């Protein structure tokens, strides 16, 4: 897990209904050479599920 609470709050988002969301990986650099299809796949958030979701909710 993360080192501290502030680091976790930057990376995860909890919705009103209690879902834990995280940004998809690979959005920081090298995007000008990437194909449009791969760029659209990398956009947005995805839902964290299972054991990790419970840990994150408990910590935040």
Protein backbone atom coordinates (compact mmCIF):
# COMPACT_ATOMS: atom_id res chain seq x y z
CA UNK A 1 0.00 0.00 0.00
CA UNK A 2 0.91 3.68 -0.04
CA UNK A 3 3.29 5.29 2.40
CA UNK A 4 0.79 7.82 3.70
CA UNK A 5 -2.81 8.99 3.50
CA UNK A 6 -2.10 12.06 1.37
CA UNK A 7 -0.49 9.89 -1.34
CA UNK A 8 -3.55 7.62 -1.40
CA UNK A 9 -5.98 10.51 -1.67
CA UNK A 10 -4.14 11.77 -4.75
CA UNK A 11 -4.38 8.42 -6.53
CA UNK A 12 -7.82 7.11 -5.62
CA UNK A 13 -11.30 8.59 -5.75
CA UNK A 14 -14.38 7.33 -3.91
CA UNK A 15 -17.76 7.97 -5.54
CA UNK A 16 -21.04 8.75 -3.74
CA UNK A 17 -22.10 5.13 -4.05
CA UNK A 18 -18.81 3.95 -2.53
CA UNK A 19 -16.94 2.73 -5.60
CA UNK A 20 -13.16 3.16 -5.60
CA UNK A 21 -11.77 4.57 -8.85
CA UNK A 22 -8.17 4.81 -10.06
CA UNK A 23 -6.70 6.43 -13.18
CA UNK A 24 -5.51 4.10 -15.90
CA UNK A 25 -1.75 3.73 -16.30
CA UNK A 26 0.39 5.19 -19.10
CA UNK A 27 -0.93 8.76 -19.37
CA UNK A 28 2.15 10.74 -18.41
CA UNK A 29 4.43 10.92 -21.49
CA UNK A 30 5.07 9.49 -24.95
CA UNK A 31 1.48 10.04 -26.05
CA UNK A 32 2.24 11.93 -29.26
CA UNK A 33 3.52 8.73 -30.92
CA UNK A 34 0.67 6.56 -29.64
CA UNK A 35 -2.23 5.44 -31.82
CA UNK A 36 -5.68 6.97 -31.29
CA UNK A 37 -7.10 3.59 -30.31
CA UNK A 38 -4.58 3.08 -27.51
CA UNK A 39 -5.05 6.68 -26.32
CA UNK A 40 -8.79 6.24 -25.99
CA UNK A 41 -8.26 3.01 -24.02
CA UNK A 42 -5.98 4.82 -21.57
CA UNK A 43 -8.41 7.68 -20.88
CA UNK A 44 -10.46 7.92 -17.73
CA UNK A 45 -10.76 5.81 -14.60
CA UNK A 46 -11.35 2.16 -13.79
CA UNK A 47 -12.97 0.57 -10.77
CA UNK A 48 -10.82 -1.12 -8.14
CA UNK A 49 -12.44 -4.32 -6.87
CA UNK A 50 -11.97 -7.02 -4.30
CA UNK A 51 -9.52 -7.05 -1.42
CA UNK A 52 -7.71 -3.90 -2.54
CA UNK A 53 -10.96 -1.92 -2.59
CA UNK A 54 -11.68 -2.82 1.04
CA UNK A 55 -8.15 -1.84 2.09
CA UNK A 56 -8.35 1.53 0.34
CA UNK A 57 -11.77 2.38 1.83
CA UNK A 58 -10.53 1.52 5.30
CA UNK A 59 -7.41 3.67 4.92
CA UNK A 60 -9.13 6.71 3.36
